[in-house]
Amino acid sequence: MKHPKNIEKYQSNYSENKLLKKLTSVARWAGAKVVYAVLLLYYVLRSPDISVADKSKIYGALGYFILPTDIILDFIPMVGYTDDMAALLWALHAVINNITPDVKQQAQQKLTKLLGTIDNKVLNEIDSTNQTEQ
């Protein structure tokens, strides 16, 4: 997967507090795929075994997600989170070996709290996207 241009420069926009606040406020608007991708990265980030290089990639992708004024403005219907999703998928692919069953379970539980019952097809799309690109 192509590396989003200079994604690491967005690291300074990341904070756990900002991320959780944005997730809570935009979960329904952004959709299950985006939220699940964010949550997978969030829980990988909390893993004690993650390298500094991988943390940098995750901080950049999540920092980009937090910004409301990125390449495609988040509030634009249907396409607002397209660029965010590209950055999130790139980061997920980069840290795929750190996505454990426990990380997936934590992300799925939080996703269900935010959005209610989720169709497993949505989760499988994100999981299979990263597996096929390994």
C-alpha atoms as a PDB file:
ATOM      1  CA  MET A   1       0.000   0.000   0.000  1.00  0.00           C
ATOM      2  CA  LYS A   2       1.297   3.430  -0.904  1.00  0.00           C
ATOM      3  CA  HIS A   3       2.522   5.538   2.006  1.00  0.00           C
ATOM      4  CA  PRO A   4       0.364   8.659   2.475  1.00  0.00           C
ATOM      5  CA  LYS A   5       2.588  11.652   1.918  1.00  0.00           C
ATOM      6  CA  ASN A   6       4.482  12.547   5.107  1.00  0.00           C
ATOM      7  CA  ILE A   7       1.872  11.006   7.414  1.00  0.00           C
ATOM      8  CA  GLU A   8       4.321  11.111  10.327  1.00  0.00           C
ATOM      9  CA  LYS A   9       4.176  14.936  10.315  1.00  0.00           C
ATOM     10  CA  TYR A  10       0.707  14.691  11.853  1.00  0.00           C
ATOM     11  CA  GLN A  11       1.998  13.044  15.048  1.00  0.00           C
ATOM     12  CA  SER A  12       1.838  16.313  16.971  1.00  0.00           C
ATOM     13  CA  ASN A  13      -1.947  16.414  16.426  1.00  0.00           C
ATOM     14  CA  TYR A  14      -2.404  13.178  18.349  1.00  0.00           C
ATOM     15  CA  SER A  15      -3.571  13.003  21.911  1.00  0.00           C
ATOM     16  CA  GLU A  16      -5.593  10.224  23.453  1.00  0.00           C
ATOM     17  CA  ASN A  17      -8.093  12.723  24.798  1.00  0.00           C
ATOM     18  CA  LYS A  18      -8.600  14.392  21.388  1.00  0.00           C
ATOM     19  CA  LEU A  19      -8.916  11.006  19.684  1.00  0.00           C
ATOM     20  CA  LEU A  20     -11.553   9.660  22.068  1.00  0.00           C
ATOM     21  CA  LYS A  21     -13.479  12.943  21.903  1.00  0.00           C
ATOM     22  CA  LYS A  22     -13.490  12.909  18.091  1.00  0.00           C
ATOM     23  CA  LEU A  23     -14.463   9.232  17.952  1.00  0.00           C
ATOM     24  CA  THR A  24     -17.395   9.835  20.253  1.00  0.00           C
ATOM     25  CA  SER A  25     -18.600  12.835  18.269  1.00  0.00           C
ATOM     26  CA  VAL A  26     -18.180  11.440  14.727  1.00  0.00           C
ATOM     27  CA  ALA A  27     -18.609   7.678  15.103  1.00  0.00           C
ATOM     28  CA  ARG A  28     -21.972   7.480  13.345  1.00  0.00           C
ATOM     29  CA  TRP A  29     -20.980   9.976  10.666  1.00  0.00           C
ATOM     30  CA  ALA A  30     -17.607   8.362   9.929  1.00  0.00           C
ATOM     31  CA  GLY A  31     -19.011   4.845   9.883  1.00  0.00           C
ATOM     32  CA  ALA A  32     -18.041   1.478  11.294  1.00  0.00           C
ATOM     33  CA  LYS A  33     -15.084   0.871   8.955  1.00  0.00           C
ATOM     34  CA  VAL A  34     -13.326   4.101   9.846  1.00  0.00           C
ATOM     35  CA  VAL A  35     -14.058   3.758  13.556  1.00  0.00           C
ATOM     36  CA  TYR A  36     -12.899   0.119  13.622  1.00  0.00           C
ATOM     37  CA  ALA A  37      -9.647   1.043  11.852  1.00  0.00           C
ATOM     38  CA  VAL A  38      -9.046   3.845  14.362  1.00  0.00           C
ATOM     39  CA  LEU A  39      -9.765   1.537  17.288  1.00  0.00           C
ATOM     40  CA  LEU A  40      -7.439  -1.182  15.998  1.00  0.00           C
ATOM     41  CA  LEU A  41      -4.617   1.363  15.805  1.00  0.00           C
ATOM     42  CA  TYR A  42      -5.509   2.786  19.204  1.00  0.00           C
ATOM     43  CA  TYR A  43      -5.301  -0.612  20.877  1.00  0.00           C
ATOM     44  CA  VAL A  44      -2.101  -1.578  19.028  1.00  0.00           C
ATOM     45  CA  LEU A  45      -0.623   1.688  20.299  1.00  0.00           C
ATOM     46  CA  ARG A  46      -1.390   0.628  23.869  1.00  0.00           C
ATOM     47  CA  SER A  47       0.456  -2.675  23.399  1.00  0.00           C
ATOM     48  CA  PRO A  48       3.718  -2.871  25.355  1.00  0.00           C
ATOM     49  CA  ASP A  49       5.578  -4.596  22.506  1.00  0.00           C
ATOM     50  CA  ILE A  50       5.138  -1.978  19.798  1.00  0.00           C
ATOM     51  CA  SER A  51       8.281  -0.422  18.343  1.00  0.00           C
ATOM     52  CA  VAL A  52       8.991   3.309  18.314  1.00  0.00           C
ATOM     53  CA  ALA A  53       8.863   3.264  14.501  1.00  0.00           C
ATOM     54  CA  ASP A  54       5.416   1.665  14.519  1.00  0.00           C
ATOM     55  CA  LYS A  55       4.203   4.095  17.190  1.00  0.00           C
ATOM     56  CA  SER A  56       5.313   6.947  14.950  1.00  0.00           C
ATOM     57  CA  LYS A  57       3.222   5.613  12.057  1.00  0.00           C
ATOM     58  CA  ILE A  58       0.174   5.162  14.273  1.00  0.00           C
ATOM     59  CA  TYR A  59       0.524   8.593  15.887  1.00  0.00           C
ATOM     60  CA  GLY A  60       0.716  10.121  12.412  1.00  0.00           C
ATOM     61  CA  ALA A  61      -2.354   8.304  11.079  1.00  0.00           C
ATOM     62  CA  LEU A  62      -4.419   9.007  14.198  1.00  0.00           C
ATOM     63  CA  GLY A  63      -3.222  12.620  14.266  1.00  0.00           C
ATOM     64  CA  TYR A  64      -4.386  12.970  10.674  1.00  0.00           C
ATOM     65  CA  PHE A  65      -7.759  11.472  11.599  1.00  0.00           C
ATOM     66  CA  ILE A  66      -8.153  13.986  14.434  1.00  0.00           C
ATOM     67  CA  LEU A  67      -7.656  16.982  12.128  1.00  0.00           C
ATOM     68  CA  PRO A  68     -10.988  18.312  10.807  1.00  0.00           C
ATOM     69  CA  THR A  69      -9.280  20.167   7.949  1.00  0.00           C
ATOM     70  CA  ASP A  70      -7.223  17.604   6.100  1.00  0.00           C
ATOM     71  CA  ILE A  71      -7.041  17.017   2.341  1.00  0.00           C
ATOM     72  CA  ILE A  72     -10.754  16.195   2.097  1.00  0.00           C
ATOM     73  CA  LEU A  73     -12.832  17.983   4.725  1.00  0.00           C
ATOM     74  CA  ASP A  74     -14.397  15.415   7.056  1.00  0.00           C
ATOM     75  CA  PHE A  75     -17.888  16.926   6.922  1.00  0.00           C
ATOM     76  CA  ILE A  76     -18.287  16.425   3.146  1.00  0.00           C
ATOM     77  CA  PRO A  77     -20.919  13.685   2.677  1.00  0.00           C
ATOM     78  CA  MET A  78     -19.767  10.335   1.258  1.00  0.00           C
ATOM     79  CA  VAL A  79     -16.103  11.332   0.778  1.00  0.00           C
ATOM     80  CA  GLY A  80     -15.164  13.196   3.951  1.00  0.00           C
ATOM     81  CA  TYR A  81     -13.268  10.303   5.499  1.00  0.00           C
ATOM     82  CA  THR A  82     -11.778   8.826   2.312  1.00  0.00           C
ATOM     83  CA  ASP A  83      -8.354  10.350   2.875  1.00  0.00           C
ATOM     84  CA  ASP A  84      -8.466   9.468   6.572  1.00  0.00           C
ATOM     85  CA  MET A  85      -9.251   5.856   5.676  1.00  0.00           C
ATOM     86  CA  ALA A  86      -6.291   5.697   3.292  1.00  0.00           C
ATOM     87  CA  ALA A  87      -3.964   6.846   6.076  1.00  0.00           C
ATOM     88  CA  LEU A  88      -5.546   4.461   8.585  1.00  0.00           C
ATOM     89  CA  LEU A  89      -5.297   1.468   6.244  1.00  0.00           C
ATOM     90  CA  TRP A  90      -1.683   2.287   5.449  1.00  0.00           C
ATOM     91  CA  ALA A  91      -0.859   2.399   9.174  1.00  0.00           C
ATOM     92  CA  LEU A  92      -2.794  -0.830   9.829  1.00  0.00           C
ATOM     93  CA  HIS A  93      -0.859  -2.548   7.074  1.00  0.00           C
ATOM     94  CA  ALA A  94       2.425  -1.227   8.497  1.00  0.00           C
ATOM     95  CA  VAL A  95       1.684  -2.646  11.968  1.00  0.00           C
ATOM     96  CA  ILE A  96      -0.239  -5.775  10.926  1.00  0.00           C
ATOM     97  CA  ASN A  97       1.984  -8.077  12.980  1.00  0.00           C
ATOM     98  CA  ASN A  98       0.930  -6.209  16.126  1.00  0.00           C
ATOM     99  CA  ILE A  99      -2.799  -6.737  15.571  1.00  0.00           C
ATOM    100  CA  THR A 100      -3.460  -9.617  17.924  1.00  0.00           C
ATOM    101  CA  PRO A 101      -6.781 -11.343  18.613  1.00  0.00           C
ATOM    102  CA  ASP A 102      -6.882  -9.382  21.896  1.00  0.00           C
ATOM    103  CA  VAL A 103      -6.477  -6.066  20.031  1.00  0.00           C
ATOM    104  CA  LYS A 104      -9.301  -7.056  17.645  1.00  0.00           C
ATOM    105  CA  GLN A 105     -11.542  -8.037  20.548  1.00  0.00           C
ATOM    106  CA  GLN A 106     -10.944  -4.741  22.376  1.00  0.00           C
ATOM    107  CA  ALA A 107     -11.608  -2.761  19.180  1.00  0.00           C
ATOM    108  CA  GLN A 108     -14.792  -4.702  18.454  1.00  0.00           C
ATOM    109  CA  GLN A 109     -16.108  -4.213  21.994  1.00  0.00           C
ATOM    110  CA  LYS A 110     -15.496  -0.454  21.886  1.00  0.00           C
ATOM    111  CA  LEU A 111     -17.008  -0.249  18.388  1.00  0.00           C
ATOM    112  CA  THR A 112     -20.151  -1.968  19.666  1.00  0.00           C
ATOM    113  CA  LYS A 113     -20.352   0.515  22.564  1.00  0.00           C
ATOM    114  CA  LEU A 114     -20.087   3.426  20.134  1.00  0.00           C
ATOM    115  CA  LEU A 115     -22.341   2.179  17.342  1.00  0.00           C
ATOM    116  CA  GLY A 116     -24.361  -0.748  18.644  1.00  0.00           C
ATOM    117  CA  THR A 117     -24.546  -4.048  16.800  1.00  0.00           C
ATOM    118  CA  ILE A 118     -22.132  -4.186  13.873  1.00  0.00           C
ATOM    119  CA  ASP A 119     -22.349  -6.464  10.847  1.00  0.00           C
ATOM    120  CA  ASN A 120     -19.306  -8.755  10.935  1.00  0.00           C
ATOM    121  CA  LYS A 121     -18.884  -8.167   7.192  1.00  0.00           C
ATOM    122  CA  VAL A 122     -17.703  -4.639   7.999  1.00  0.00           C
ATOM    123  CA  LEU A 123     -15.080  -5.913  10.428  1.00  0.00           C
ATOM    124  CA  ASN A 124     -13.994  -8.649   8.062  1.00  0.00           C
ATOM    125  CA  GLU A 125     -13.478  -6.112   5.256  1.00  0.00           C
ATOM    126  CA  ILE A 126     -10.932  -4.191   7.333  1.00  0.00           C
ATOM    127  CA  ASP A 127      -9.279  -7.360   8.628  1.00  0.00           C
ATOM    128  CA  SER A 128      -9.052  -8.965   5.183  1.00  0.00           C
ATOM    129  CA  THR A 129      -7.777  -5.771   3.528  1.00  0.00           C
ATOM    130  CA  ASN A 130      -4.721  -5.890   5.734  1.00  0.00           C
ATOM    131  CA  GLN A 131      -4.226  -9.656   5.536  1.00  0.00           C
ATOM    132  CA  THR A 132      -4.225  -9.733   1.733  1.00  0.00           C
ATOM    133  CA  GLU A 133      -1.628  -6.981   1.551  1.00  0.00           C
ATOM    134  CA  GLN A 134       0.909  -8.674   3.815  1.00  0.00           C
END
